[in-house]
Amino acid sequence: MSEELRAQVQQVFRDVFDDPSLVLRDEMASEDIEGWDSLTHINLIVAVERKLGIKFATAEIGRTKEPGQNVGSFLRMIEAKVAAKQGVA
């Protein structure tokens, strides 16, 4: 993931979780970020979609909450969506 894209996503996380010092690490999971509940999860998805001009399918959103998923897997999903949007996939 490009540093620019990662910085954009990190800013979305900071805005959604109202934490300007939040630094994303791939191994982070929802329980590592204060306030990450079901409603905030949906707010995060919507904010990422709006910021990056992408859309997640319902099945993709469901997979983000499966056991073993973390910030890194979410970032890879975002990266693939952005690449497909740009015709790089």
C-alpha atoms as a PDB file:
ATOM      1  CA  MET A   1       0.000   0.000   0.000  1.00  0.00           C
ATOM      2  CA  SER A   2       1.346   3.387  -0.916  1.00  0.00           C
ATOM      3  CA  GLU A   3       2.258   5.711   1.915  1.00  0.00           C
ATOM      4  CA  GLU A   4      -0.201   8.279   0.526  1.00  0.00           C
ATOM      5  CA  LEU A   5      -3.119   5.835   0.571  1.00  0.00           C
ATOM      6  CA  ARG A   6      -2.172   4.575   4.025  1.00  0.00           C
ATOM      7  CA  ALA A   7      -2.039   8.167   5.298  1.00  0.00           C
ATOM      8  CA  GLN A   8      -5.497   8.857   3.858  1.00  0.00           C
ATOM      9  CA  VAL A   9      -6.967   5.766   5.501  1.00  0.00           C
ATOM     10  CA  GLN A  10      -5.224   6.553   8.779  1.00  0.00           C
ATOM     11  CA  GLN A  11      -6.788  10.029   8.713  1.00  0.00           C
ATOM     12  CA  VAL A  12     -10.221   8.472   8.210  1.00  0.00           C
ATOM     13  CA  PHE A  13      -9.606   6.231  11.246  1.00  0.00           C
ATOM     14  CA  ARG A  14      -8.495   9.258  13.266  1.00  0.00           C
ATOM     15  CA  ASP A  15     -11.615  11.185  12.278  1.00  0.00           C
ATOM     16  CA  VAL A  16     -14.047   8.319  12.898  1.00  0.00           C
ATOM     17  CA  PHE A  17     -12.522   7.393  16.253  1.00  0.00           C
ATOM     18  CA  ASP A  18     -11.853  11.029  17.198  1.00  0.00           C
ATOM     19  CA  ASP A  19      -8.225  10.206  18.026  1.00  0.00           C
ATOM     20  CA  PRO A  20      -5.662  12.420  16.282  1.00  0.00           C
ATOM     21  CA  SER A  21      -2.794  10.315  17.638  1.00  0.00           C
ATOM     22  CA  LEU A  22      -4.055   6.973  16.281  1.00  0.00           C
ATOM     23  CA  VAL A  23      -1.370   5.160  14.283  1.00  0.00           C
ATOM     24  CA  LEU A  24      -2.484   2.135  12.280  1.00  0.00           C
ATOM     25  CA  ARG A  25      -0.592  -1.120  12.533  1.00  0.00           C
ATOM     26  CA  ASP A  26      -1.485  -4.077  10.329  1.00  0.00           C
ATOM     27  CA  GLU A  27      -1.820  -6.438  13.294  1.00  0.00           C
ATOM     28  CA  MET A  28      -4.380  -4.211  15.075  1.00  0.00           C
ATOM     29  CA  ALA A  29      -7.893  -5.560  15.517  1.00  0.00           C
ATOM     30  CA  SER A  30     -11.112  -3.855  16.525  1.00  0.00           C
ATOM     31  CA  GLU A  31     -10.503  -4.623  20.202  1.00  0.00           C
ATOM     32  CA  ASP A  32      -7.238  -2.644  20.020  1.00  0.00           C
ATOM     33  CA  ILE A  33      -9.012   0.616  19.192  1.00  0.00           C
ATOM     34  CA  GLU A  34     -11.159   2.235  21.844  1.00  0.00           C
ATOM     35  CA  GLY A  35     -14.732   2.759  20.741  1.00  0.00           C
ATOM     36  CA  TRP A  36     -14.689   0.320  17.812  1.00  0.00           C
ATOM     37  CA  ASP A  37     -18.137  -1.198  18.062  1.00  0.00           C
ATOM     38  CA  SER A  38     -20.675  -2.280  15.432  1.00  0.00           C
ATOM     39  CA  LEU A  39     -21.978   1.223  14.757  1.00  0.00           C
ATOM     40  CA  THR A  40     -18.501   2.719  14.536  1.00  0.00           C
ATOM     41  CA  HIS A  41     -17.513  -0.105  12.196  1.00  0.00           C
ATOM     42  CA  ILE A  42     -20.258   0.898   9.764  1.00  0.00           C
ATOM     43  CA  ASN A  43     -19.303   4.573  10.133  1.00  0.00           C
ATOM     44  CA  LEU A  44     -15.708   3.616   9.313  1.00  0.00           C
ATOM     45  CA  ILE A  45     -16.745   1.686   6.199  1.00  0.00           C
ATOM     46  CA  VAL A  46     -18.897   4.588   4.964  1.00  0.00           C
ATOM     47  CA  ALA A  47     -16.161   7.139   5.689  1.00  0.00           C
ATOM     48  CA  VAL A  48     -13.565   5.095   3.763  1.00  0.00           C
ATOM     49  CA  GLU A  49     -15.956   4.686   0.836  1.00  0.00           C
ATOM     50  CA  ARG A  50     -16.624   8.423   0.710  1.00  0.00           C
ATOM     51  CA  LYS A  51     -12.989   9.460   1.115  1.00  0.00           C
ATOM     52  CA  LEU A  52     -11.667   7.111  -1.554  1.00  0.00           C
ATOM     53  CA  GLY A  53     -14.647   6.922  -3.912  1.00  0.00           C
ATOM     54  CA  ILE A  54     -15.003   3.154  -3.569  1.00  0.00           C
ATOM     55  CA  LYS A  55     -17.838   0.827  -2.570  1.00  0.00           C
ATOM     56  CA  PHE A  56     -17.755  -2.353  -0.526  1.00  0.00           C
ATOM     57  CA  ALA A  57     -20.190  -5.188  -1.203  1.00  0.00           C
ATOM     58  CA  THR A  58     -22.226  -6.431   1.751  1.00  0.00           C
ATOM     59  CA  ALA A  59     -20.271  -9.714   1.744  1.00  0.00           C
ATOM     60  CA  GLU A  60     -16.970  -7.817   1.903  1.00  0.00           C
ATOM     61  CA  ILE A  61     -18.170  -5.778   4.864  1.00  0.00           C
ATOM     62  CA  GLY A  62     -19.209  -8.986   6.618  1.00  0.00           C
ATOM     63  CA  ARG A  63     -15.777 -10.532   6.057  1.00  0.00           C
ATOM     64  CA  THR A  64     -14.068  -7.610   7.807  1.00  0.00           C
ATOM     65  CA  LYS A  65     -15.525  -8.762  11.127  1.00  0.00           C
ATOM     66  CA  GLU A  66     -14.658 -12.454  10.774  1.00  0.00           C
ATOM     67  CA  PRO A  67     -12.171 -14.043  13.180  1.00  0.00           C
ATOM     68  CA  GLY A  68      -8.572 -13.458  12.145  1.00  0.00           C
ATOM     69  CA  GLN A  69      -9.311 -10.224  10.298  1.00  0.00           C
ATOM     70  CA  ASN A  70      -7.378  -7.139  11.296  1.00  0.00           C
ATOM     71  CA  VAL A  71      -6.482  -3.668  10.117  1.00  0.00           C
ATOM     72  CA  GLY A  72      -3.942  -5.148   7.704  1.00  0.00           C
ATOM     73  CA  SER A  73      -6.550  -7.280   5.962  1.00  0.00           C
ATOM     74  CA  PHE A  74      -8.878  -4.261   5.769  1.00  0.00           C
ATOM     75  CA  LEU A  75      -6.068  -2.163   4.273  1.00  0.00           C
ATOM     76  CA  ARG A  76      -5.392  -4.844   1.646  1.00  0.00           C
ATOM     77  CA  MET A  77      -9.090  -4.875   0.755  1.00  0.00           C
ATOM     78  CA  ILE A  78      -9.052  -1.083   0.418  1.00  0.00           C
ATOM     79  CA  GLU A  79      -5.908  -1.223  -1.706  1.00  0.00           C
ATOM     80  CA  ALA A  80      -7.508  -3.757  -4.072  1.00  0.00           C
ATOM     81  CA  LYS A  81     -10.643  -1.616  -4.394  1.00  0.00           C
ATOM     82  CA  VAL A  82      -8.635   1.518  -5.162  1.00  0.00           C
ATOM     83  CA  ALA A  83      -6.491  -0.362  -7.701  1.00  0.00           C
ATOM     84  CA  ALA A  84      -9.601  -1.743  -9.423  1.00  0.00           C
ATOM     85  CA  LYS A  85     -11.122   1.735  -9.522  1.00  0.00           C
ATOM     86  CA  GLN A  86      -7.956   3.032 -11.181  1.00  0.00           C
ATOM     87  CA  GLY A  87      -7.888   0.101 -13.592  1.00  0.00           C
ATOM     88  CA  VAL A  88      -4.661  -1.305 -12.127  1.00  0.00           C
ATOM     89  CA  ALA A  89      -6.091  -4.625 -10.954  1.00  0.00           C
END
